[in-house]
Amino acid sequence: MPKRNNKHPSNFSGFLKVHISVESIQRLLDTWPDAIREKDDDGRLTFHVALENPNVSLEMIQVLLDA
């Protein structure tokens, strides 16, 4: 399977690589609960990608943990 172009989010984890509000993530998870289980091209879960971001808020981490 060819690698995706990572310039644009192609999965839920990709959305955490760009600035997005906690409210938007919560709405997305309410609409698409299985999104939390999506992996990026490197096999990392959304939570792992979020923790790699030095600017991630505790509120965002809590939303992801509660999902």
N, C-alpha and C. Protein backbone atom coordinates (compact mmCIF):
# COMPACT_ATOMS: atom_id res chain seq x y z
N MET A 1 0.84 -1.18 0.00
CA MET A 1 0.00 0.00 0.00
C MET A 1 0.89 1.25 0.00
N PRO A 2 0.66 2.19 -0.92
CA PRO A 2 1.50 3.38 -0.98
C PRO A 2 1.26 4.29 0.22
N LYS A 3 2.29 5.02 0.61
CA LYS A 3 2.16 5.97 1.71
C LYS A 3 1.31 7.15 1.26
N ARG A 4 0.54 7.66 2.18
CA ARG A 4 -0.30 8.81 1.88
C ARG A 4 0.52 10.09 1.93
N ASN A 5 0.03 11.11 1.27
CA ASN A 5 0.63 12.43 1.35
C ASN A 5 0.24 13.02 2.70
N ASN A 6 1.21 13.29 3.55
CA ASN A 6 0.93 13.77 4.91
C ASN A 6 0.77 15.29 5.00
N LYS A 7 0.66 15.98 3.87
CA LYS A 7 0.46 17.42 3.90
C LYS A 7 -0.92 17.78 4.43
N HIS A 8 -1.87 16.89 4.26
CA HIS A 8 -3.24 17.12 4.71
C HIS A 8 -3.68 15.93 5.56
N PRO A 9 -4.43 16.21 6.62
CA PRO A 9 -4.89 15.08 7.46
C PRO A 9 -5.70 14.09 6.65
N SER A 10 -5.34 12.82 6.74
CA SER A 10 -6.07 11.79 6.03
C SER A 10 -6.78 10.86 7.00
N ASN A 11 -6.62 11.11 8.30
CA ASN A 11 -7.26 10.30 9.32
C ASN A 11 -7.41 11.16 10.57
N PHE A 12 -8.01 10.62 11.58
CA PHE A 12 -8.27 11.40 12.79
C PHE A 12 -6.99 11.91 13.43
N SER A 13 -5.96 11.10 13.48
CA SER A 13 -4.69 11.52 14.07
C SER A 13 -4.13 12.74 13.36
N GLY A 14 -4.35 12.81 12.07
CA GLY A 14 -3.88 13.95 11.31
C GLY A 14 -4.47 15.26 11.75
N PHE A 15 -5.67 15.23 12.25
CA PHE A 15 -6.30 16.45 12.72
C PHE A 15 -5.58 17.03 13.94
N LEU A 16 -4.93 16.19 14.71
CA LEU A 16 -4.23 16.67 15.89
C LEU A 16 -2.88 17.28 15.54
N LYS A 17 -2.44 17.12 14.30
CA LYS A 17 -1.18 17.71 13.87
C LYS A 17 -1.38 19.17 13.47
N VAL A 18 -2.60 19.58 13.32
CA VAL A 18 -2.92 20.97 13.03
C VAL A 18 -3.68 21.51 14.23
N HIS A 19 -3.75 22.84 14.33
CA HIS A 19 -4.45 23.43 15.47
C HIS A 19 -5.95 23.23 15.30
N ILE A 20 -6.56 22.63 16.29
CA ILE A 20 -8.00 22.41 16.27
C ILE A 20 -8.50 22.48 17.71
N SER A 21 -9.67 23.02 17.90
CA SER A 21 -10.18 23.23 19.25
C SER A 21 -10.64 21.93 19.90
N VAL A 22 -10.63 21.95 21.22
CA VAL A 22 -11.11 20.81 22.00
C VAL A 22 -12.58 20.55 21.66
N GLU A 23 -13.35 21.61 21.50
CA GLU A 23 -14.77 21.47 21.17
C GLU A 23 -14.96 20.77 19.83
N SER A 24 -14.11 21.09 18.87
CA SER A 24 -14.21 20.45 17.55
C SER A 24 -13.87 18.97 17.64
N ILE A 25 -12.85 18.64 18.42
CA ILE A 25 -12.48 17.23 18.60
C ILE A 25 -13.61 16.48 19.29
N GLN A 26 -14.21 17.12 20.30
CA GLN A 26 -15.31 16.48 21.02
C GLN A 26 -16.49 16.22 20.09
N ARG A 27 -16.82 17.20 19.24
CA ARG A 27 -17.92 17.02 18.28
C ARG A 27 -17.60 15.90 17.29
N LEU A 28 -16.36 15.87 16.84
CA LEU A 28 -15.96 14.82 15.90
C LEU A 28 -16.09 13.45 16.56
N LEU A 29 -15.65 13.33 17.81
CA LEU A 29 -15.74 12.05 18.52
C LEU A 29 -17.19 11.67 18.81
N ASP A 30 -18.04 12.66 19.06
CA ASP A 30 -19.46 12.38 19.27
C ASP A 30 -20.10 11.82 17.99
N THR A 31 -19.64 12.32 16.86
CA THR A 31 -20.17 11.89 15.57
C THR A 31 -19.52 10.59 15.08
N TRP A 32 -18.24 10.43 15.36
CA TRP A 32 -17.46 9.30 14.86
C TRP A 32 -16.66 8.70 16.02
N PRO A 33 -17.32 7.97 16.92
CA PRO A 33 -16.66 7.44 18.13
C PRO A 33 -15.47 6.54 17.84
N ASP A 34 -15.49 5.81 16.74
CA ASP A 34 -14.38 4.91 16.42
C ASP A 34 -13.14 5.65 15.93
N ALA A 35 -13.26 6.95 15.75
CA ALA A 35 -12.11 7.74 15.28
C ALA A 35 -10.93 7.63 16.24
N ILE A 36 -11.21 7.44 17.50
CA ILE A 36 -10.15 7.35 18.50
C ILE A 36 -9.25 6.14 18.25
N ARG A 37 -9.74 5.15 17.53
CA ARG A 37 -8.97 3.94 17.24
C ARG A 37 -8.23 4.00 15.91
N GLU A 38 -8.38 5.10 15.20
CA GLU A 38 -7.69 5.27 13.91
C GLU A 38 -6.19 5.41 14.13
N LYS A 39 -5.43 4.81 13.24
CA LYS A 39 -3.97 4.91 13.30
C LYS A 39 -3.47 5.75 12.14
N ASP A 40 -2.35 6.43 12.36
CA ASP A 40 -1.76 7.18 11.27
C ASP A 40 -0.90 6.24 10.42
N ASP A 41 -0.20 6.79 9.45
CA ASP A 41 0.59 5.96 8.54
C ASP A 41 1.73 5.23 9.24
N ASP A 42 2.11 5.70 10.42
CA ASP A 42 3.18 5.07 11.18
C ASP A 42 2.65 4.11 12.24
N GLY A 43 1.34 3.90 12.26
CA GLY A 43 0.74 2.97 13.21
C GLY A 43 0.46 3.54 14.59
N ARG A 44 0.59 4.85 14.74
CA ARG A 44 0.34 5.49 16.04
C ARG A 44 -1.13 5.83 16.19
N LEU A 45 -1.64 5.62 17.39
CA LEU A 45 -3.02 6.01 17.70
C LEU A 45 -3.09 7.51 17.93
N THR A 46 -4.30 8.03 17.86
CA THR A 46 -4.53 9.45 18.05
C THR A 46 -3.92 9.95 19.35
N PHE A 47 -4.08 9.19 20.42
CA PHE A 47 -3.56 9.60 21.72
C PHE A 47 -2.03 9.76 21.66
N HIS A 48 -1.34 8.86 20.97
CA HIS A 48 0.11 8.94 20.85
C HIS A 48 0.52 10.20 20.10
N VAL A 49 -0.18 10.50 19.04
CA VAL A 49 0.12 11.69 18.25
C VAL A 49 -0.09 12.93 19.11
N ALA A 50 -1.16 12.96 19.89
CA ALA A 50 -1.43 14.11 20.74
C ALA A 50 -0.32 14.31 21.76
N LEU A 51 0.16 13.23 22.35
CA LEU A 51 1.21 13.34 23.37
C LEU A 51 2.54 13.80 22.80
N GLU A 52 2.75 13.62 21.51
CA GLU A 52 3.97 14.09 20.86
C GLU A 52 3.95 15.60 20.64
N ASN A 53 2.79 16.21 20.74
CA ASN A 53 2.64 17.64 20.53
C ASN A 53 2.92 18.38 21.84
N PRO A 54 3.99 19.19 21.90
CA PRO A 54 4.32 19.88 23.14
C PRO A 54 3.28 20.92 23.56
N ASN A 55 2.39 21.29 22.64
CA ASN A 55 1.38 22.31 22.94
C ASN A 55 0.02 21.73 23.27
N VAL A 56 -0.10 20.41 23.34
CA VAL A 56 -1.41 19.80 23.62
C VAL A 56 -1.84 20.17 25.04
N SER A 57 -3.11 20.50 25.18
CA SER A 57 -3.62 20.89 26.49
C SER A 57 -4.05 19.67 27.30
N LEU A 58 -4.07 19.85 28.60
CA LEU A 58 -4.57 18.77 29.46
C LEU A 58 -6.02 18.47 29.17
N GLU A 59 -6.77 19.50 28.80
CA GLU A 59 -8.17 19.30 28.45
C GLU A 59 -8.30 18.39 27.23
N MET A 60 -7.44 18.59 26.23
CA MET A 60 -7.46 17.75 25.03
C MET A 60 -7.11 16.30 25.39
N ILE A 61 -6.10 16.12 26.21
CA ILE A 61 -5.71 14.77 26.64
C ILE A 61 -6.87 14.10 27.36
N GLN A 62 -7.57 14.84 28.22
CA GLN A 62 -8.71 14.27 28.95
C GLN A 62 -9.83 13.86 28.00
N VAL A 63 -10.12 14.68 27.00
CA VAL A 63 -11.14 14.34 26.00
C VAL A 63 -10.77 13.05 25.30
N LEU A 64 -9.52 12.90 24.93
CA LEU A 64 -9.07 11.70 24.24
C LEU A 64 -9.13 10.48 25.15
N LEU A 65 -8.75 10.66 26.41
CA LEU A 65 -8.82 9.54 27.36
C LEU A 65 -10.25 9.10 27.61
N ASP A 66 -11.16 10.04 27.63
CA ASP A 66 -12.58 9.74 27.90
C ASP A 66 -13.28 9.12 26.71
N ALA A 67 -12.67 9.23 25.53
CA ALA A 67 -13.32 8.72 24.30
C ALA A 67 -13.33 7.21 24.26
